[in-house]
Amino acid sequence: MHIDLSPQHRDASLTVEKQGDILTINGAPYDFSSIPEGATVENVPCDFIVGPVSRINGEIHLTLISPHGGYPTETEAFPPALEVAPDGVIIDFNPAAKGGEDVEP
């Protein structure tokens, strides 16, 4: 699975877990296993999935919004794409847990 990240200032928490071709985003499962090779799904009803979801060379490709606070780190502001192989939690962002997200460092 290839996940591009689109950073955005949001106070929202985001937890993403991968199990095969299923992403569970904030507790809601999105099953992409039925997308055939070369096909694209244009609209996925999820506030964190941006744009189409495609299967290219057997791999699901999609873009997720990557929330950050008002003063993001460089990695939060310019996150690298995720080439996700193993199953498990791949994103766990909680602005309240970081404390002072909108406080200048």
N, C-alpha and C. Protein backbone atom coordinates (compact mmCIF):
# COMPACT_ATOMS: atom_id res chain seq x y z
N MET A 1 0.86 -1.17 0.00
CA MET A 1 0.00 0.00 0.00
C MET A 1 0.90 1.23 0.00
N HIS A 2 0.56 2.18 -0.87
CA HIS A 2 1.31 3.43 -0.97
C HIS A 2 0.38 4.55 -0.52
N ILE A 3 0.79 5.28 0.52
CA ILE A 3 -0.04 6.35 1.06
C ILE A 3 0.74 7.66 1.00
N ASP A 4 0.24 8.59 0.17
CA ASP A 4 0.78 9.95 0.18
C ASP A 4 0.07 10.70 1.30
N LEU A 5 0.78 11.63 1.93
CA LEU A 5 0.22 12.40 3.03
C LEU A 5 0.09 13.86 2.62
N SER A 6 -1.07 14.43 2.88
CA SER A 6 -1.34 15.83 2.58
C SER A 6 -1.52 16.57 3.90
N PRO A 7 -0.49 17.30 4.35
CA PRO A 7 -0.56 17.95 5.65
C PRO A 7 -1.62 19.05 5.69
N GLN A 8 -2.28 19.16 6.83
CA GLN A 8 -3.32 20.17 7.00
C GLN A 8 -3.44 20.51 8.48
N HIS A 9 -3.54 21.81 8.76
CA HIS A 9 -3.74 22.25 10.14
C HIS A 9 -5.16 21.87 10.55
N ARG A 10 -5.25 20.94 11.47
CA ARG A 10 -6.53 20.46 12.01
C ARG A 10 -6.31 20.10 13.46
N ASP A 11 -7.35 20.28 14.25
CA ASP A 11 -7.30 19.86 15.64
C ASP A 11 -7.83 18.44 15.81
N ALA A 12 -8.02 17.75 14.71
CA ALA A 12 -8.59 16.40 14.73
C ALA A 12 -7.53 15.35 15.04
N SER A 13 -7.97 14.32 15.74
CA SER A 13 -7.11 13.15 15.95
C SER A 13 -7.23 12.24 14.73
N LEU A 14 -6.18 11.47 14.48
CA LEU A 14 -6.20 10.52 13.37
C LEU A 14 -5.47 9.26 13.77
N THR A 15 -6.19 8.15 13.71
CA THR A 15 -5.59 6.84 13.91
C THR A 15 -5.90 6.01 12.68
N VAL A 16 -4.86 5.45 12.08
CA VAL A 16 -5.02 4.62 10.88
C VAL A 16 -4.34 3.29 11.13
N GLU A 17 -5.10 2.22 10.93
CA GLU A 17 -4.57 0.87 11.06
C GLU A 17 -4.78 0.15 9.75
N LYS A 18 -3.78 -0.63 9.34
CA LYS A 18 -3.83 -1.39 8.09
C LYS A 18 -3.90 -2.88 8.39
N GLN A 19 -4.80 -3.56 7.70
CA GLN A 19 -4.90 -5.02 7.72
C GLN A 19 -5.13 -5.44 6.28
N GLY A 20 -4.08 -5.86 5.60
CA GLY A 20 -4.20 -6.19 4.18
C GLY A 20 -4.58 -4.95 3.39
N ASP A 21 -5.68 -5.03 2.63
CA ASP A 21 -6.16 -3.89 1.85
C ASP A 21 -7.26 -3.13 2.58
N ILE A 22 -7.37 -3.32 3.89
CA ILE A 22 -8.36 -2.62 4.69
C ILE A 22 -7.66 -1.59 5.56
N LEU A 23 -8.10 -0.33 5.46
CA LEU A 23 -7.63 0.72 6.36
C LEU A 23 -8.76 1.03 7.33
N THR A 24 -8.45 1.06 8.61
CA THR A 24 -9.41 1.49 9.61
C THR A 24 -8.98 2.88 10.04
N ILE A 25 -9.83 3.86 9.73
CA ILE A 25 -9.52 5.26 9.97
C ILE A 25 -10.45 5.77 11.06
N ASN A 26 -9.85 6.10 12.21
CA ASN A 26 -10.63 6.54 13.37
C ASN A 26 -11.79 5.59 13.66
N GLY A 27 -11.51 4.29 13.57
CA GLY A 27 -12.49 3.27 13.92
C GLY A 27 -13.39 2.81 12.80
N ALA A 28 -13.39 3.50 11.66
CA ALA A 28 -14.25 3.12 10.53
C ALA A 28 -13.43 2.35 9.49
N PRO A 29 -13.85 1.13 9.14
CA PRO A 29 -13.09 0.34 8.17
C PRO A 29 -13.41 0.74 6.73
N TYR A 30 -12.36 0.78 5.90
CA TYR A 30 -12.48 1.04 4.47
C TYR A 30 -11.78 -0.11 3.77
N ASP A 31 -12.57 -0.96 3.11
CA ASP A 31 -12.05 -2.17 2.49
C ASP A 31 -11.82 -1.93 1.00
N PHE A 32 -10.55 -1.91 0.60
CA PHE A 32 -10.18 -1.67 -0.79
C PHE A 32 -9.83 -2.95 -1.53
N SER A 33 -10.09 -4.10 -0.92
CA SER A 33 -9.69 -5.38 -1.52
C SER A 33 -10.45 -5.68 -2.82
N SER A 34 -11.61 -5.09 -3.02
CA SER A 34 -12.38 -5.37 -4.24
C SER A 34 -11.98 -4.50 -5.43
N ILE A 35 -11.06 -3.56 -5.24
CA ILE A 35 -10.62 -2.71 -6.35
C ILE A 35 -9.71 -3.55 -7.25
N PRO A 36 -10.11 -3.77 -8.51
CA PRO A 36 -9.28 -4.58 -9.40
C PRO A 36 -8.06 -3.81 -9.92
N GLU A 37 -7.11 -4.53 -10.44
CA GLU A 37 -5.89 -3.94 -11.01
C GLU A 37 -6.26 -2.88 -12.05
N GLY A 38 -5.63 -1.71 -11.91
CA GLY A 38 -5.83 -0.62 -12.86
C GLY A 38 -7.08 0.21 -12.63
N ALA A 39 -7.91 -0.18 -11.68
CA ALA A 39 -9.16 0.55 -11.42
C ALA A 39 -8.94 1.68 -10.43
N THR A 40 -9.85 2.64 -10.48
CA THR A 40 -9.81 3.80 -9.59
C THR A 40 -11.20 4.04 -9.02
N VAL A 41 -11.26 4.30 -7.72
CA VAL A 41 -12.49 4.74 -7.06
C VAL A 41 -12.32 6.23 -6.82
N GLU A 42 -13.20 7.02 -7.43
CA GLU A 42 -13.06 8.47 -7.38
C GLU A 42 -13.45 9.09 -6.04
N ASN A 43 -14.51 8.60 -5.44
CA ASN A 43 -15.03 9.23 -4.22
C ASN A 43 -15.18 8.22 -3.11
N VAL A 44 -14.39 8.37 -2.08
CA VAL A 44 -14.51 7.52 -0.89
C VAL A 44 -15.06 8.41 0.22
N PRO A 45 -16.18 8.03 0.83
CA PRO A 45 -16.81 8.88 1.85
C PRO A 45 -16.04 8.88 3.17
N CYS A 46 -14.93 9.60 3.18
CA CYS A 46 -14.08 9.71 4.37
C CYS A 46 -13.45 11.09 4.39
N ASP A 47 -13.54 11.78 5.52
CA ASP A 47 -12.98 13.13 5.64
C ASP A 47 -11.47 13.17 5.52
N PHE A 48 -10.79 12.03 5.68
CA PHE A 48 -9.34 12.02 5.66
C PHE A 48 -8.75 11.50 4.35
N ILE A 49 -9.57 10.89 3.50
CA ILE A 49 -9.08 10.40 2.20
C ILE A 49 -9.31 11.50 1.17
N VAL A 50 -8.22 11.92 0.52
CA VAL A 50 -8.27 13.01 -0.45
C VAL A 50 -8.08 12.42 -1.84
N GLY A 51 -9.04 12.63 -2.71
CA GLY A 51 -8.90 12.18 -4.09
C GLY A 51 -9.18 10.71 -4.27
N PRO A 52 -8.79 10.20 -5.44
CA PRO A 52 -9.12 8.82 -5.80
C PRO A 52 -8.25 7.79 -5.09
N VAL A 53 -8.76 6.55 -5.08
CA VAL A 53 -8.01 5.40 -4.58
C VAL A 53 -7.85 4.46 -5.77
N SER A 54 -6.62 4.03 -6.05
CA SER A 54 -6.33 3.20 -7.21
C SER A 54 -5.53 1.97 -6.83
N ARG A 55 -5.60 0.95 -7.69
CA ARG A 55 -4.72 -0.21 -7.55
C ARG A 55 -3.77 -0.19 -8.74
N ILE A 56 -2.48 -0.05 -8.44
CA ILE A 56 -1.43 0.03 -9.45
C ILE A 56 -0.39 -1.03 -9.14
N ASN A 57 -0.13 -1.91 -10.09
CA ASN A 57 0.82 -3.01 -9.89
C ASN A 57 0.50 -3.81 -8.63
N GLY A 58 -0.79 -4.04 -8.40
CA GLY A 58 -1.22 -4.85 -7.26
C GLY A 58 -1.27 -4.12 -5.94
N GLU A 59 -0.91 -2.85 -5.93
CA GLU A 59 -0.79 -2.08 -4.69
C GLU A 59 -1.82 -0.95 -4.66
N ILE A 60 -2.47 -0.78 -3.51
CA ILE A 60 -3.42 0.33 -3.33
C ILE A 60 -2.63 1.63 -3.18
N HIS A 61 -3.07 2.67 -3.90
CA HIS A 61 -2.48 4.01 -3.82
C HIS A 61 -3.57 4.99 -3.41
N LEU A 62 -3.28 5.81 -2.39
CA LEU A 62 -4.24 6.81 -1.94
C LEU A 62 -3.52 7.94 -1.22
N THR A 63 -4.27 9.02 -1.00
CA THR A 63 -3.74 10.17 -0.26
C THR A 63 -4.61 10.41 0.97
N LEU A 64 -3.95 10.55 2.12
CA LEU A 64 -4.63 10.85 3.38
C LEU A 64 -4.24 12.25 3.85
N ILE A 65 -5.20 12.96 4.42
CA ILE A 65 -4.88 14.20 5.13
C ILE A 65 -4.08 13.82 6.37
N SER A 66 -3.01 14.54 6.60
CA SER A 66 -2.16 14.33 7.76
C SER A 66 -2.30 15.55 8.67
N PRO A 67 -3.14 15.48 9.71
CA PRO A 67 -3.38 16.66 10.54
C PRO A 67 -2.15 17.04 11.37
N HIS A 68 -2.04 18.34 11.61
CA HIS A 68 -0.99 18.85 12.50
C HIS A 68 -1.51 20.11 13.17
N GLY A 69 -0.83 20.53 14.20
CA GLY A 69 -1.21 21.73 14.93
C GLY A 69 -0.69 22.99 14.24
N GLY A 70 -0.79 24.10 14.95
CA GLY A 70 -0.44 25.40 14.38
C GLY A 70 1.04 25.61 14.13
N TYR A 71 1.89 24.90 14.82
CA TYR A 71 3.34 25.04 14.65
C TYR A 71 3.94 23.65 14.42
N PRO A 72 3.74 23.11 13.22
CA PRO A 72 4.20 21.74 12.96
C PRO A 72 5.71 21.65 12.87
N THR A 73 6.20 20.46 13.18
CA THR A 73 7.62 20.19 12.93
C THR A 73 7.81 20.10 11.42
N GLU A 74 9.04 20.09 10.98
CA GLU A 74 9.31 19.98 9.55
C GLU A 74 8.75 18.67 8.99
N THR A 75 8.87 17.59 9.74
CA THR A 75 8.34 16.30 9.29
C THR A 75 6.82 16.33 9.22
N GLU A 76 6.16 17.02 10.15
CA GLU A 76 4.70 17.14 10.10
C GLU A 76 4.25 18.01 8.94
N ALA A 77 5.01 19.07 8.64
CA ALA A 77 4.65 19.98 7.55
C ALA A 77 4.95 19.39 6.18
N PHE A 78 5.96 18.54 6.09
CA PHE A 78 6.38 17.94 4.82
C PHE A 78 6.56 16.43 5.01
N PRO A 79 5.47 15.72 5.28
CA PRO A 79 5.60 14.29 5.58
C PRO A 79 5.96 13.48 4.33
N PRO A 80 6.83 12.50 4.50
CA PRO A 80 7.15 11.62 3.37
C PRO A 80 5.99 10.65 3.12
N ALA A 81 5.92 10.14 1.91
CA ALA A 81 4.92 9.11 1.59
C ALA A 81 5.21 7.87 2.42
N LEU A 82 4.17 7.09 2.67
CA LEU A 82 4.32 5.84 3.42
C LEU A 82 4.23 4.67 2.46
N GLU A 83 5.27 3.87 2.42
CA GLU A 83 5.24 2.60 1.70
C GLU A 83 4.99 1.55 2.76
N VAL A 84 3.74 1.19 2.94
CA VAL A 84 3.33 0.37 4.07
C VAL A 84 3.30 -1.10 3.67
N ALA A 85 4.08 -1.91 4.34
CA ALA A 85 4.06 -3.35 4.09
C ALA A 85 3.40 -4.10 5.25
N PRO A 86 3.90 -3.96 6.48
CA PRO A 86 3.31 -4.75 7.57
C PRO A 86 1.96 -4.20 8.01
N ASP A 87 1.13 -5.10 8.54
CA ASP A 87 -0.16 -4.69 9.09
C ASP A 87 0.06 -4.10 10.48
N GLY A 88 -0.89 -3.27 10.90
CA GLY A 88 -0.83 -2.66 12.22
C GLY A 88 -1.12 -1.18 12.13
N VAL A 89 -0.93 -0.48 13.25
CA VAL A 89 -1.17 0.96 13.31
C VAL A 89 -0.06 1.66 12.52
N ILE A 90 -0.46 2.51 11.57
CA ILE A 90 0.53 3.23 10.76
C ILE A 90 0.53 4.72 11.04
N ILE A 91 -0.58 5.25 11.58
CA ILE A 91 -0.65 6.66 11.99
C ILE A 91 -1.41 6.71 13.30
N ASP A 92 -0.87 7.45 14.26
CA ASP A 92 -1.55 7.67 15.54
C ASP A 92 -1.25 9.09 15.97
N PHE A 93 -2.11 10.03 15.56
CA PHE A 93 -1.90 11.44 15.86
C PHE A 93 -3.02 11.93 16.75
N ASN A 94 -2.66 12.49 17.89
CA ASN A 94 -3.63 13.05 18.82
C ASN A 94 -3.07 14.39 19.30
N PRO A 95 -3.63 15.52 18.81
CA PRO A 95 -3.07 16.82 19.20
C PRO A 95 -3.14 17.08 20.69
N ALA A 96 -4.16 16.55 21.37
CA ALA A 96 -4.27 16.76 22.82
C ALA A 96 -3.14 16.06 23.56
N ALA A 97 -2.70 14.93 23.06
CA ALA A 97 -1.62 14.19 23.70
C ALA A 97 -0.28 14.90 23.57
N LYS A 98 -0.12 15.68 22.49
CA LYS A 98 1.13 16.42 22.31
C LYS A 98 1.19 17.62 23.24
N GLY A 99 0.02 18.16 23.58
CA GLY A 99 -0.03 19.30 24.49
C GLY A 99 0.47 20.57 23.85
N GLY A 100 -0.35 21.62 23.84
CA GLY A 100 0.07 22.91 23.32
C GLY A 100 0.32 22.90 21.83
N GLU A 101 -0.48 22.21 21.06
CA GLU A 101 -0.28 22.11 19.62
C GLU A 101 -0.19 23.48 18.96
N ASP A 102 -0.97 24.45 19.43
CA ASP A 102 -0.98 25.75 18.79
C ASP A 102 -0.15 26.79 19.56
N VAL A 103 0.75 26.32 20.35
CA VAL A 103 1.65 27.21 21.08
C VAL A 103 2.99 27.21 20.37
N GLU A 104 3.46 28.41 20.04
CA GLU A 104 4.74 28.50 19.32
C GLU A 104 5.85 27.90 20.17
N PRO A 105 6.69 27.07 19.53
CA PRO A 105 7.78 26.43 20.30
C PRO A 105 8.82 27.42 20.76
